[in-house]
PDB file of N, CA and C in Angstrom:
ATOM      1  N   UNK A   1     -21.858 -71.870 145.896  1.00  0.00           N
ATOM      2  CA  UNK A   1     -21.259 -72.577 144.746  1.00  0.00           C
ATOM      3  C   UNK A   1     -21.909 -71.978 143.433  1.00  0.00           C
ATOM      4  N   UNK A   2     -21.055 -71.894 142.469  1.00  0.00           N
ATOM      5  CA  UNK A   2     -21.484 -71.350 141.125  1.00  0.00           C
ATOM      6  C   UNK A   2     -21.510 -72.552 140.182  1.00  0.00           C
ATOM      7  N   UNK A   3     -22.373 -72.357 139.107  1.00  0.00           N
ATOM      8  CA  UNK A   3     -22.484 -73.392 138.106  1.00  0.00           C
ATOM      9  C   UNK A   3     -22.405 -72.705 136.728  1.00  0.00           C
ATOM     10  N   UNK A   4     -22.020 -73.457 135.716  1.00  0.00           N
ATOM     11  CA  UNK A   4     -21.988 -72.972 134.361  1.00  0.00           C
ATOM     12  C   UNK A   4     -23.106 -73.721 133.646  1.00  0.00           C
ATOM     13  N   UNK A   5     -23.984 -72.960 132.998  1.00  0.00           N
ATOM     14  CA  UNK A   5     -25.009 -73.505 132.144  1.00  0.00           C
ATOM     15  C   UNK A   5     -24.671 -73.215 130.705  1.00  0.00           C
ATOM     16  N   UNK A   6     -24.601 -74.293 129.910  1.00  0.00           N
ATOM     17  CA  UNK A   6     -24.330 -74.203 128.497  1.00  0.00           C
ATOM     18  C   UNK A   6     -25.629 -74.639 127.783  1.00  0.00           C
ATOM     19  N   UNK A   7     -26.214 -73.705 127.049  1.00  0.00           N
ATOM     20  CA  UNK A   7     -27.399 -74.038 126.310  1.00  0.00           C
ATOM     21  C   UNK A   7     -27.168 -73.925 124.828  1.00  0.00           C
ATOM     22  N   UNK A   8     -27.525 -75.023 124.084  1.00  0.00           N
ATOM     23  CA  UNK A   8     -27.393 -75.012 122.631  1.00  0.00           C
ATOM     24  C   UNK A   8     -28.777 -74.933 122.118  1.00  0.00           C
ATOM     25  N   UNK A   9     -29.113 -73.857 121.341  1.00  0.00           N
ATOM     26  CA  UNK A   9     -30.447 -73.562 120.906  1.00  0.00           C
ATOM     27  C   UNK A   9     -30.466 -73.219 119.391  1.00  0.00           C
ATOM     28  N   UNK A  10     -31.718 -73.290 118.850  1.00  0.00           N
ATOM     29  CA  UNK A  10     -31.915 -72.929 117.478  1.00  0.00           C
ATOM     30  C   UNK A  10     -31.533 -71.429 117.248  1.00  0.00           C
ATOM     31  N   UNK A  11     -30.918 -71.100 116.118  1.00  0.00           N
ATOM     32  CA  UNK A  11     -30.579 -69.717 115.858  1.00  0.00           C
ATOM     33  C   UNK A  11     -31.778 -68.739 115.900  1.00  0.00           C
ATOM     34  N   UNK A  12     -32.912 -69.232 115.405  1.00  0.00           N
ATOM     35  CA  UNK A  12     -34.102 -68.399 115.353  1.00  0.00           C
ATOM     36  C   UNK A  12     -34.717 -68.146 116.712  1.00  0.00           C
ATOM     37  N   UNK A  13     -34.269 -68.833 117.766  1.00  0.00           N
ATOM     38  CA  UNK A  13     -34.768 -68.710 119.071  1.00  0.00           C
ATOM     39  C   UNK A  13     -33.898 -67.893 120.007  1.00  0.00           C
ATOM     40  N   UNK A  14     -32.645 -67.500 119.535  1.00  0.00           N
ATOM     41  CA  UNK A  14     -31.714 -66.829 120.374  1.00  0.00           C
ATOM     42  C   UNK A  14     -32.186 -65.536 120.901  1.00  0.00           C
ATOM     43  N   UNK A  15     -32.748 -64.727 120.055  1.00  0.00           N
ATOM     44  CA  UNK A  15     -33.232 -63.391 120.504  1.00  0.00           C
ATOM     45  C   UNK A  15     -34.306 -63.504 121.624  1.00  0.00           C
ATOM     46  N   UNK A  16     -35.177 -64.534 121.408  1.00  0.00           N
ATOM     47  CA  UNK A  16     -36.188 -64.758 122.498  1.00  0.00           C
ATOM     48  C   UNK A  16     -35.564 -65.217 123.820  1.00  0.00           C
ATOM     49  N   UNK A  17     -34.520 -66.037 123.765  1.00  0.00           N
ATOM     50  CA  UNK A  17     -33.862 -66.498 124.974  1.00  0.00           C
ATOM     51  C   UNK A  17     -33.177 -65.358 125.598  1.00  0.00           C
ATOM     52  N   UNK A  18     -32.414 -64.599 124.860  1.00  0.00           N
ATOM     53  CA  UNK A  18     -31.669 -63.465 125.400  1.00  0.00           C
ATOM     54  C   UNK A  18     -32.553 -62.457 126.052  1.00  0.00           C
ATOM     55  N   UNK A  19     -33.656 -62.173 125.399  1.00  0.00           N
ATOM     56  CA  UNK A  19     -34.632 -61.205 126.013  1.00  0.00           C
ATOM     57  C   UNK A  19     -35.162 -61.759 127.393  1.00  0.00           C
ATOM     58  N   UNK A  20     -35.575 -63.037 127.363  1.00  0.00           N
ATOM     59  CA  UNK A  20     -36.093 -63.551 128.596  1.00  0.00           C
ATOM     60  C   UNK A  20     -35.065 -63.620 129.689  1.00  0.00           C
ATOM     61  N   UNK A  21     -33.802 -63.944 129.343  1.00  0.00           N
ATOM     62  CA  UNK A  21     -32.680 -63.928 130.314  1.00  0.00           C
ATOM     63  C   UNK A  21     -32.505 -62.526 130.921  1.00  0.00           C
ATOM     64  N   UNK A  22     -32.512 -61.540 130.101  1.00  0.00           N
ATOM     65  CA  UNK A  22     -32.411 -60.169 130.553  1.00  0.00           C
ATOM     66  C   UNK A  22     -33.559 -59.826 131.441  1.00  0.00           C
ATOM     67  N   UNK A  23     -34.741 -60.082 131.024  1.00  0.00           N
ATOM     68  CA  UNK A  23     -36.006 -59.749 131.769  1.00  0.00           C
ATOM     69  C   UNK A  23     -36.071 -60.495 133.129  1.00  0.00           C
ATOM     70  N   UNK A  24     -35.419 -61.612 133.205  1.00  0.00           N
ATOM     71  CA  UNK A  24     -35.506 -62.418 134.490  1.00  0.00           C
ATOM     72  C   UNK A  24     -34.273 -62.189 135.355  1.00  0.00           C
ATOM     73  N   UNK A  25     -33.419 -61.212 135.002  1.00  0.00           N
ATOM     74  CA  UNK A  25     -32.302 -60.887 135.894  1.00  0.00           C
ATOM     75  C   UNK A  25     -31.005 -61.587 135.533  1.00  0.00           C
ATOM     76  N   UNK A  26     -30.831 -62.184 134.371  1.00  0.00           N
ATOM     77  CA  UNK A  26     -29.580 -62.856 133.932  1.00  0.00           C
ATOM     78  C   UNK A  26     -29.029 -62.112 132.753  1.00  0.00           C
ATOM     79  N   UNK A  27     -28.361 -60.957 132.909  1.00  0.00           N
ATOM     80  CA  UNK A  27     -27.919 -60.203 131.816  1.00  0.00           C
ATOM     81  C   UNK A  27     -26.518 -60.695 131.220  1.00  0.00           C
ATOM     82  N   UNK A  28     -25.802 -61.433 132.034  1.00  0.00           N
ATOM     83  CA  UNK A  28     -24.401 -61.865 131.629  1.00  0.00           C
ATOM     84  C   UNK A  28     -24.511 -63.178 130.905  1.00  0.00           C
ATOM     85  N   UNK A  29     -24.307 -63.096 129.597  1.00  0.00           N
ATOM     86  CA  UNK A  29     -24.360 -64.257 128.674  1.00  0.00           C
ATOM     87  C   UNK A  29     -23.236 -64.185 127.697  1.00  0.00           C
ATOM     88  N   UNK A  30     -22.617 -65.285 127.328  1.00  0.00           N
ATOM     89  CA  UNK A  30     -21.654 -65.281 126.250  1.00  0.00           C
ATOM     90  C   UNK A  30     -22.322 -66.161 125.167  1.00  0.00           C
ATOM     91  N   UNK A  31     -22.183 -65.670 123.921  1.00  0.00           N
ATOM     92  CA  UNK A  31     -22.855 -66.320 122.801  1.00  0.00           C
ATOM     93  C   UNK A  31     -21.816 -66.754 121.704  1.00  0.00           C
ATOM     94  N   UNK A  32     -21.983 -67.946 121.283  1.00  0.00           N
ATOM     95  CA  UNK A  32     -21.170 -68.538 120.207  1.00  0.00           C
ATOM     96  C   UNK A  32     -21.964 -69.140 119.125  1.00  0.00           C
ATOM     97  N   UNK A  33     -21.636 -68.908 117.848  1.00  0.00           N
ATOM     98  CA  UNK A  33     -22.228 -69.639 116.729  1.00  0.00           C
ATOM     99  C   UNK A  33     -21.532 -70.981 116.618  1.00  0.00           C
ATOM    100  N   UNK A  34     -22.286 -72.083 116.601  1.00  0.00           N
ATOM    101  CA  UNK A  34     -21.790 -73.370 116.508  1.00  0.00           C
ATOM    102  C   UNK A  34     -22.490 -74.169 115.515  1.00  0.00           C
ATOM    103  N   UNK A  35     -22.025 -75.379 115.108  1.00  0.00           N
ATOM    104  CA  UNK A  35     -22.724 -76.289 114.215  1.00  0.00           C
ATOM    105  C   UNK A  35     -22.540 -77.671 114.793  1.00  0.00           C
ATOM    106  N   UNK A  36     -23.563 -78.517 114.608  1.00  0.00           N
ATOM    107  CA  UNK A  36     -23.514 -79.861 115.054  1.00  0.00           C
ATOM    108  C   UNK A  36     -24.729 -80.662 114.724  1.00  0.00           C
ATOM    109  N   UNK A  37     -24.851 -81.765 115.320  1.00  0.00           N
ATOM    110  CA  UNK A  37     -26.082 -82.634 115.095  1.00  0.00           C
ATOM    111  C   UNK A  37     -26.436 -83.305 116.408  1.00  0.00           C
ATOM    112  N   UNK A  38     -27.636 -83.691 116.562  1.00  0.00           N
ATOM    113  CA  UNK A  38     -28.082 -84.427 117.684  1.00  0.00           C
ATOM    114  C   UNK A  38     -28.394 -85.881 117.326  1.00  0.00           C
ATOM    115  N   UNK A  39     -29.344 -86.413 118.119  1.00  0.00           N
ATOM    116  CA  UNK A  39     -29.699 -87.860 117.883  1.00  0.00           C
ATOM    117  C   UNK A  39     -30.309 -88.103 116.506  1.00  0.00           C
ATOM    118  N   UNK A  40     -30.907 -87.018 115.943  1.00  0.00           N
ATOM    119  CA  UNK A  40     -31.592 -87.179 114.588  1.00  0.00           C
ATOM    120  C   UNK A  40     -30.526 -87.277 113.458  1.00  0.00           C
ATOM    121  N   UNK A  41     -29.238 -87.074 113.727  1.00  0.00           N
ATOM    122  CA  UNK A  41     -28.181 -87.194 112.771  1.00  0.00           C
ATOM    123  C   UNK A  41     -28.289 -86.336 111.577  1.00  0.00           C
ATOM    124  N   UNK A  42     -28.787 -85.080 111.846  1.00  0.00           N
ATOM    125  CA  UNK A  42     -28.904 -84.150 110.763  1.00  0.00           C
ATOM    126  C   UNK A  42     -30.253 -84.245 110.100  1.00  0.00           C
ATOM    127  N   UNK A  43     -30.329 -83.694 108.925  1.00  0.00           N
ATOM    128  CA  UNK A  43     -31.591 -83.649 108.218  1.00  0.00           C
ATOM    129  C   UNK A  43     -31.286 -83.941 106.739  1.00  0.00           C
ATOM    130  N   UNK A  44     -32.195 -84.743 106.114  1.00  0.00           N
ATOM    131  CA  UNK A  44     -32.012 -85.134 104.751  1.00  0.00           C
ATOM    132  C   UNK A  44     -33.126 -84.436 103.904  1.00  0.00           C
ATOM    133  N   UNK A  45     -32.649 -83.662 102.901  1.00  0.00           N
ATOM    134  CA  UNK A  45     -33.550 -82.969 102.011  1.00  0.00           C
ATOM    135  C   UNK A  45     -33.294 -83.468 100.560  1.00  0.00           C
ATOM    136  N   UNK A  46     -34.141 -84.264  99.966  1.00  0.00           N
ATOM    137  CA  UNK A  46     -33.876 -84.821  98.710  1.00  0.00           C
ATOM    138  C   UNK A  46     -32.748 -85.807  98.786  1.00  0.00           C
ATOM    139  N   UNK A  47     -31.712 -85.660  97.989  1.00  0.00           N
ATOM    140  CA  UNK A  47     -30.556 -86.517  98.015  1.00  0.00           C
ATOM    141  C   UNK A  47     -29.438 -85.984  98.918  1.00  0.00           C
ATOM    142  N   UNK A  48     -29.657 -84.812  99.528  1.00  0.00           N
ATOM    143  CA  UNK A  48     -28.590 -84.147 100.284  1.00  0.00           C
ATOM    144  C   UNK A  48     -28.841 -84.328 101.752  1.00  0.00           C
ATOM    145  N   UNK A  49     -27.878 -84.764 102.536  1.00  0.00           N
ATOM    146  CA  UNK A  49     -27.946 -84.859 103.992  1.00  0.00           C
ATOM    147  C   UNK A  49     -27.093 -83.705 104.605  1.00  0.00           C
ATOM    148  N   UNK A  50     -27.725 -82.935 105.459  1.00  0.00           N
ATOM    149  CA  UNK A  50     -27.049 -81.898 106.158  1.00  0.00           C
ATOM    150  C   UNK A  50     -26.844 -82.427 107.596  1.00  0.00           C
ATOM    151  N   UNK A  51     -25.607 -82.780 107.857  1.00  0.00           N
ATOM    152  CA  UNK A  51     -25.349 -83.472 109.153  1.00  0.00           C
ATOM    153  C   UNK A  51     -24.752 -82.496 110.164  1.00  0.00           C
ATOM    154  N   UNK A  52     -24.493 -81.288 109.793  1.00  0.00           N
ATOM    155  CA  UNK A  52     -24.083 -80.261 110.731  1.00  0.00           C
ATOM    156  C   UNK A  52     -24.975 -79.046 110.572  1.00  0.00           C
ATOM    157  N   UNK A  53     -25.814 -78.904 111.542  1.00  0.00           N
ATOM    158  CA  UNK A  53     -26.828 -77.819 111.536  1.00  0.00           C
ATOM    159  C   UNK A  53     -26.395 -76.680 112.338  1.00  0.00           C
ATOM    160  N   UNK A  54     -26.671 -75.439 111.940  1.00  0.00           N
ATOM    161  CA  UNK A  54     -26.321 -74.259 112.711  1.00  0.00           C
ATOM    162  C   UNK A  54     -27.118 -74.215 113.976  1.00  0.00           C
ATOM    163  N   UNK A  55     -26.370 -73.903 115.055  1.00  0.00           N
ATOM    164  CA  UNK A  55     -26.979 -73.700 116.338  1.00  0.00           C
ATOM    165  C   UNK A  55     -26.276 -72.508 117.053  1.00  0.00           C
ATOM    166  N   UNK A  56     -26.715 -72.081 118.245  1.00  0.00           N
ATOM    167  CA  UNK A  56     -26.054 -71.042 118.966  1.00  0.00           C
ATOM    168  C   UNK A  56     -25.867 -71.643 120.403  1.00  0.00           C
ATOM    169  N   UNK A  57     -24.659 -71.457 120.966  1.00  0.00           N
ATOM    170  CA  UNK A  57     -24.361 -71.880 122.326  1.00  0.00           C
ATOM    171  C   UNK A  57     -24.364 -70.631 123.169  1.00  0.00           C
ATOM    172  N   UNK A  58     -25.088 -70.683 124.263  1.00  0.00           N
ATOM    173  CA  UNK A  58     -25.137 -69.679 125.241  1.00  0.00           C
ATOM    174  C   UNK A  58     -24.531 -70.109 126.569  1.00  0.00           C
ATOM    175  N   UNK A  59     -23.579 -69.359 127.115  1.00  0.00           N
ATOM    176  CA  UNK A  59     -22.944 -69.734 128.427  1.00  0.00           C
ATOM    177  C   UNK A  59     -23.433 -68.717 129.476  1.00  0.00           C
ATOM    178  N   UNK A  60     -23.810 -69.200 130.609  1.00  0.00           N
ATOM    179  CA  UNK A  60     -24.187 -68.349 131.801  1.00  0.00           C
ATOM    180  C   UNK A  60     -23.614 -69.035 133.082  1.00  0.00           C
ATOM    181  N   UNK A  61     -22.875 -68.213 133.858  1.00  0.00           N
ATOM    182  CA  UNK A  61     -22.429 -68.659 135.122  1.00  0.00           C
ATOM    183  C   UNK A  61     -23.287 -67.993 136.177  1.00  0.00           C
ATOM    184  N   UNK A  62     -23.895 -68.858 137.040  1.00  0.00           N
ATOM    185  CA  UNK A  62     -24.788 -68.329 138.042  1.00  0.00           C
ATOM    186  C   UNK A  62     -24.603 -68.990 139.366  1.00  0.00           C
ATOM    187  N   UNK A  63     -25.177 -68.469 140.409  1.00  0.00           N
ATOM    188  CA  UNK A  63     -25.116 -69.109 141.719  1.00  0.00           C
ATOM    189  C   UNK A  63     -26.043 -70.390 141.678  1.00  0.00           C
ATOM    190  N   UNK A  64     -25.574 -71.407 142.345  1.00  0.00           N
ATOM    191  CA  UNK A  64     -26.305 -72.673 142.305  1.00  0.00           C
ATOM    192  C   UNK A  64     -27.800 -72.557 142.659  1.00  0.00           C
ATOM    193  N   UNK A  65     -28.160 -71.626 143.500  1.00  0.00           N
ATOM    194  CA  UNK A  65     -29.610 -71.534 143.887  1.00  0.00           C
ATOM    195  C   UNK A  65     -30.394 -70.901 142.731  1.00  0.00           C
ATOM    196  N   UNK A  66     -29.779 -70.281 141.703  1.00  0.00           N
ATOM    197  CA  UNK A  66     -30.495 -69.743 140.591  1.00  0.00           C
ATOM    198  C   UNK A  66     -30.599 -70.727 139.387  1.00  0.00           C
ATOM    199  N   UNK A  67     -29.957 -71.892 139.550  1.00  0.00           N
ATOM    200  CA  UNK A  67     -29.860 -72.785 138.407  1.00  0.00           C
ATOM    201  C   UNK A  67     -31.187 -73.264 137.835  1.00  0.00           C
ATOM    202  N   UNK A  68     -32.110 -73.716 138.675  1.00  0.00           N
ATOM    203  CA  UNK A  68     -33.363 -74.183 138.174  1.00  0.00           C
ATOM    204  C   UNK A  68     -34.166 -73.061 137.481  1.00  0.00           C
ATOM    205  N   UNK A  69     -34.193 -71.891 138.065  1.00  0.00           N
ATOM    206  CA  UNK A  69     -34.930 -70.745 137.449  1.00  0.00           C
ATOM    207  C   UNK A  69     -34.377 -70.366 136.130  1.00  0.00           C
ATOM    208  N   UNK A  70     -33.026 -70.438 136.039  1.00  0.00           N
ATOM    209  CA  UNK A  70     -32.337 -70.090 134.770  1.00  0.00           C
ATOM    210  C   UNK A  70     -32.681 -71.116 133.710  1.00  0.00           C
ATOM    211  N   UNK A  71     -32.620 -72.384 134.093  1.00  0.00           N
ATOM    212  CA  UNK A  71     -32.836 -73.487 133.127  1.00  0.00           C
ATOM    213  C   UNK A  71     -34.401 -73.417 132.613  1.00  0.00           C
ATOM    214  N   UNK A  72     -35.248 -73.142 133.582  1.00  0.00           N
ATOM    215  CA  UNK A  72     -36.692 -72.998 133.228  1.00  0.00           C
ATOM    216  C   UNK A  72     -36.843 -71.885 132.226  1.00  0.00           C
ATOM    217  N   UNK A  73     -36.186 -70.753 132.477  1.00  0.00           N
ATOM    218  CA  UNK A  73     -36.289 -69.564 131.618  1.00  0.00           C
ATOM    219  C   UNK A  73     -35.787 -69.928 130.230  1.00  0.00           C
ATOM    220  N   UNK A  74     -34.606 -70.524 130.042  1.00  0.00           N
ATOM    221  CA  UNK A  74     -34.055 -70.970 128.778  1.00  0.00           C
ATOM    222  C   UNK A  74     -34.991 -71.889 128.095  1.00  0.00           C
ATOM    223  N   UNK A  75     -35.454 -72.937 128.726  1.00  0.00           N
ATOM    224  CA  UNK A  75     -36.357 -73.954 128.141  1.00  0.00           C
ATOM    225  C   UNK A  75     -37.636 -73.307 127.574  1.00  0.00           C
ATOM    226  N   UNK A  76     -38.222 -72.461 128.451  1.00  0.00           N
ATOM    227  CA  UNK A  76     -39.528 -71.861 127.985  1.00  0.00           C
ATOM    228  C   UNK A  76     -39.318 -70.971 126.789  1.00  0.00           C
ATOM    229  N   UNK A  77     -38.196 -70.229 126.673  1.00  0.00           N
ATOM    230  CA  UNK A  77     -37.934 -69.346 125.544  1.00  0.00           C
ATOM    231  C   UNK A  77     -37.429 -70.060 124.292  1.00  0.00           C
ATOM    232  N   UNK A  78     -36.693 -71.173 124.451  1.00  0.00           N
ATOM    233  CA  UNK A  78     -36.140 -71.907 123.431  1.00  0.00           C
ATOM    234  C   UNK A  78     -36.986 -72.951 122.749  1.00  0.00           C
ATOM    235  N   UNK A  79     -37.970 -73.380 123.502  1.00  0.00           N
ATOM    236  CA  UNK A  79     -38.846 -74.439 123.029  1.00  0.00           C
ATOM    237  C   UNK A  79     -39.731 -74.020 121.773  1.00  0.00           C
ATOM    238  N   UNK A  80     -39.837 -74.893 120.814  1.00  0.00           N
ATOM    239  CA  UNK A  80     -40.685 -74.658 119.591  1.00  0.00           C
ATOM    240  C   UNK A  80     -42.068 -75.084 119.983  1.00  0.00           C
ATOM    241  N   UNK A  81     -42.982 -74.175 119.957  1.00  0.00           N
ATOM    242  CA  UNK A  81     -44.394 -74.540 120.305  1.00  0.00           C
ATOM    243  C   UNK A  81     -44.558 -74.982 121.678  1.00  0.00           C
ATOM    244  N   UNK A  82     -45.754 -75.488 122.054  1.00  0.00           N
ATOM    245  CA  UNK A  82     -45.978 -75.923 123.422  1.00  0.00           C
ATOM    246  C   UNK A  82     -45.284 -77.235 123.775  1.00  0.00           C
ATOM    247  N   UNK A  83     -45.130 -78.138 122.877  1.00  0.00           N
ATOM    248  CA  UNK A  83     -44.538 -79.439 123.178  1.00  0.00           C
ATOM    249  C   UNK A  83     -43.071 -79.492 122.774  1.00  0.00           C
ATOM    250  N   UNK A  84     -42.586 -78.556 122.007  1.00  0.00           N
ATOM    251  CA  UNK A  84     -41.208 -78.628 121.499  1.00  0.00           C
ATOM    252  C   UNK A  84     -41.122 -79.515 120.368  1.00  0.00           C
ATOM    253  N   UNK A  85     -39.889 -79.606 119.775  1.00  0.00           N
ATOM    254  CA  UNK A  85     -39.591 -80.400 118.579  1.00  0.00           C
ATOM    255  C   UNK A  85     -38.157 -80.874 118.593  1.00  0.00           C
ATOM    256  N   UNK A  86     -37.893 -81.896 117.821  1.00  0.00           N
ATOM    257  CA  UNK A  86     -36.508 -82.407 117.679  1.00  0.00           C
ATOM    258  C   UNK A  86     -35.664 -81.234 117.188  1.00  0.00           C
ATOM    259  N   UNK A  87     -34.484 -81.092 117.763  1.00  0.00           N
ATOM    260  CA  UNK A  87     -33.581 -80.054 117.360  1.00  0.00           C
ATOM    261  C   UNK A  87     -33.720 -78.756 118.151  1.00  0.00           C
ATOM    262  N   UNK A  88     -34.568 -78.741 119.123  1.00  0.00           N
ATOM    263  CA  UNK A  88     -34.714 -77.540 119.969  1.00  0.00           C
ATOM    264  C   UNK A  88     -33.473 -77.232 120.768  1.00  0.00           C
ATOM    265  N   UNK A  89     -32.637 -78.251 121.048  1.00  0.00           N
ATOM    266  CA  UNK A  89     -31.403 -77.974 121.692  1.00  0.00           C
ATOM    267  C   UNK A  89     -31.229 -78.769 122.985  1.00  0.00           C
ATOM    268  N   UNK A  90     -30.115 -78.504 123.707  1.00  0.00           N
ATOM    269  CA  UNK A  90     -29.708 -79.191 124.908  1.00  0.00           C
ATOM    270  C   UNK A  90     -29.246 -78.159 125.915  1.00  0.00           C
ATOM    271  N   UNK A  91     -29.346 -78.499 127.168  1.00  0.00           N
ATOM    272  CA  UNK A  91     -28.715 -77.710 128.240  1.00  0.00           C
ATOM    273  C   UNK A  91     -27.794 -78.553 129.043  1.00  0.00           C
ATOM    274  N   UNK A  92     -26.593 -78.090 129.219  1.00  0.00           N
ATOM    275  CA  UNK A  92     -25.558 -78.811 130.076  1.00  0.00           C
ATOM    276  C   UNK A  92     -25.212 -77.990 131.229  1.00  0.00           C
ATOM    277  N   UNK A  93     -25.102 -78.636 132.406  1.00  0.00           N
ATOM    278  CA  UNK A  93     -24.846 -77.975 133.659  1.00  0.00           C
ATOM    279  C   UNK A  93     -23.552 -78.585 134.266  1.00  0.00           C
ATOM    280  N   UNK A  94     -22.610 -77.662 134.622  1.00  0.00           N
ATOM    281  CA  UNK A  94     -21.318 -78.144 135.243  1.00  0.00           C
ATOM    282  C   UNK A  94     -20.951 -77.178 136.401  1.00  0.00           C
ATOM    283  N   UNK A  95     -20.252 -77.753 137.397  1.00  0.00           N
ATOM    284  CA  UNK A  95     -19.849 -76.875 138.458  1.00  0.00           C
ATOM    285  C   UNK A  95     -18.634 -75.973 138.013  1.00  0.00           C
ATOM    286  N   UNK A  96     -18.576 -74.807 138.687  1.00  0.00           N
ATOM    287  CA  UNK A  96     -17.456 -73.855 138.407  1.00  0.00           C
ATOM    288  C   UNK A  96     -16.538 -73.940 139.540  1.00  0.00           C
ATOM    289  N   UNK A  97     -15.275 -74.235 139.255  1.00  0.00           N
ATOM    290  CA  UNK A  97     -14.280 -74.415 140.311  1.00  0.00           C
ATOM    291  C   UNK A  97     -13.745 -73.098 140.806  1.00  0.00           C
ATOM    292  N   UNK A  98     -13.398 -72.153 139.996  1.00  0.00           N
ATOM    293  CA  UNK A  98     -12.851 -70.822 140.383  1.00  0.00           C
ATOM    294  C   UNK A  98     -13.449 -69.754 139.421  1.00  0.00           C
ATOM    295  N   UNK A  99     -13.505 -68.492 139.903  1.00  0.00           N
ATOM    296  CA  UNK A  99     -13.885 -67.366 139.131  1.00  0.00           C
ATOM    297  C   UNK A  99     -12.830 -66.233 139.437  1.00  0.00           C
ATOM    298  N   UNK A 100     -12.320 -65.700 138.364  1.00  0.00           N
ATOM    299  CA  UNK A 100     -11.438 -64.528 138.465  1.00  0.00           C
ATOM    300  C   UNK A 100     -11.961 -63.368 137.637  1.00  0.00           C
ATOM    301  N   UNK A 101     -11.754 -62.166 138.163  1.00  0.00           N
ATOM    302  CA  UNK A 101     -12.052 -60.956 137.466  1.00  0.00           C
ATOM    303  C   UNK A 101     -10.756 -60.467 136.768  1.00  0.00           C
ATOM    304  N   UNK A 102     -10.700 -60.409 135.483  1.00  0.00           N
ATOM    305  CA  UNK A 102      -9.475 -60.104 134.770  1.00  0.00           C
ATOM    306  C   UNK A 102      -8.983 -58.737 135.026  1.00  0.00           C
ATOM    307  N   UNK A 103      -9.871 -57.766 135.082  1.00  0.00           N
ATOM    308  CA  UNK A 103      -9.451 -56.336 135.211  1.00  0.00           C
ATOM    309  C   UNK A 103      -8.837 -56.077 136.615  1.00  0.00           C
ATOM    310  N   UNK A 104      -9.314 -56.682 137.581  1.00  0.00           N
ATOM    311  CA  UNK A 104      -8.753 -56.427 138.950  1.00  0.00           C
ATOM    312  C   UNK A 104      -7.800 -57.544 139.405  1.00  0.00           C
ATOM    313  N   UNK A 105      -7.815 -58.715 138.748  1.00  0.00           N
ATOM    314  CA  UNK A 105      -7.042 -59.843 139.163  1.00  0.00           C
ATOM    315  C   UNK A 105      -7.525 -60.551 140.422  1.00  0.00           C
ATOM    316  N   UNK A 106      -8.705 -60.147 140.836  1.00  0.00           N
ATOM    317  CA  UNK A 106      -9.311 -60.704 142.078  1.00  0.00           C
ATOM    318  C   UNK A 106      -9.950 -62.039 141.816  1.00  0.00           C
ATOM    319  N   UNK A 107      -9.547 -63.021 142.691  1.00  0.00           N
ATOM    320  CA  UNK A 107     -10.241 -64.322 142.626  1.00  0.00           C
ATOM    321  C   UNK A 107     -11.427 -64.219 143.546  1.00  0.00           C
ATOM    322  N   UNK A 108     -12.583 -64.542 143.028  1.00  0.00           N
ATOM    323  CA  UNK A 108     -13.812 -64.491 143.898  1.00  0.00           C
ATOM    324  C   UNK A 108     -13.768 -65.657 144.850  1.00  0.00           C
ATOM    325  N   UNK A 109     -14.623 -65.562 145.888  1.00  0.00           N
ATOM    326  CA  UNK A 109     -14.628 -66.642 146.913  1.00  0.00           C
ATOM    327  C   UNK A 109     -14.828 -67.969 146.202  1.00  0.00           C
ATOM    328  N   UNK A 110     -14.065 -68.919 146.641  1.00  0.00           N
ATOM    329  CA  UNK A 110     -14.125 -70.289 146.113  1.00  0.00           C
ATOM    330  C   UNK A 110     -15.506 -70.827 146.214  1.00  0.00           C
ATOM    331  N   UNK A 111     -16.115 -71.263 145.134  1.00  0.00           N
ATOM    332  CA  UNK A 111     -17.450 -71.860 145.250  1.00  0.00           C
ATOM    333  C   UNK A 111     -17.497 -73.070 146.151  1.00  0.00           C
ATOM    334  N   UNK A 112     -16.470 -73.835 146.163  1.00  0.00           N
ATOM    335  CA  UNK A 112     -16.423 -75.009 147.049  1.00  0.00           C
ATOM    336  C   UNK A 112     -16.364 -74.622 148.544  1.00  0.00           C
ATOM    337  N   UNK A 113     -15.763 -73.451 148.839  1.00  0.00           N
ATOM    338  CA  UNK A 113     -15.684 -72.976 150.226  1.00  0.00           C
ATOM    339  C   UNK A 113     -16.975 -72.459 150.785  1.00  0.00           C
ATOM    340  N   UNK A 114     -17.877 -72.152 149.822  1.00  0.00           N
ATOM    341  CA  UNK A 114     -19.188 -71.569 150.215  1.00  0.00           C
ATOM    342  C   UNK A 114     -20.082 -72.635 150.708  1.00  0.00           C
ATOM    343  N   UNK A 115     -19.948 -73.897 150.260  1.00  0.00           N
ATOM    344  CA  UNK A 115     -20.832 -75.010 150.551  1.00  0.00           C
ATOM    345  C   UNK A 115     -20.652 -75.432 151.941  1.00  0.00           C
TER     346      UNK A 115
END
């Protein structure tokens, strides 16, 4: 079975995360610039509230058995300091139903059939 890991991280941590993913054997990553807010509802500086903060979303599709190692790698590289801080990001994990290679048109083995 394959899973999709979606990690939303601070922009200043993206290079660290991408380097660690490459070093740990996860070179295939899709990167998006995104904006949003978490539980802290943005940040207020003086009279101005910034309720949509810049973040980066990274997508990685991996075999289910690699999920925990991938998540640990992302968390270690994306965390601010030893304990982390509000706004460090989130990781979402979802199952992948099917995978197709566009160039060949080949559908890879159904993840559900592998279980």
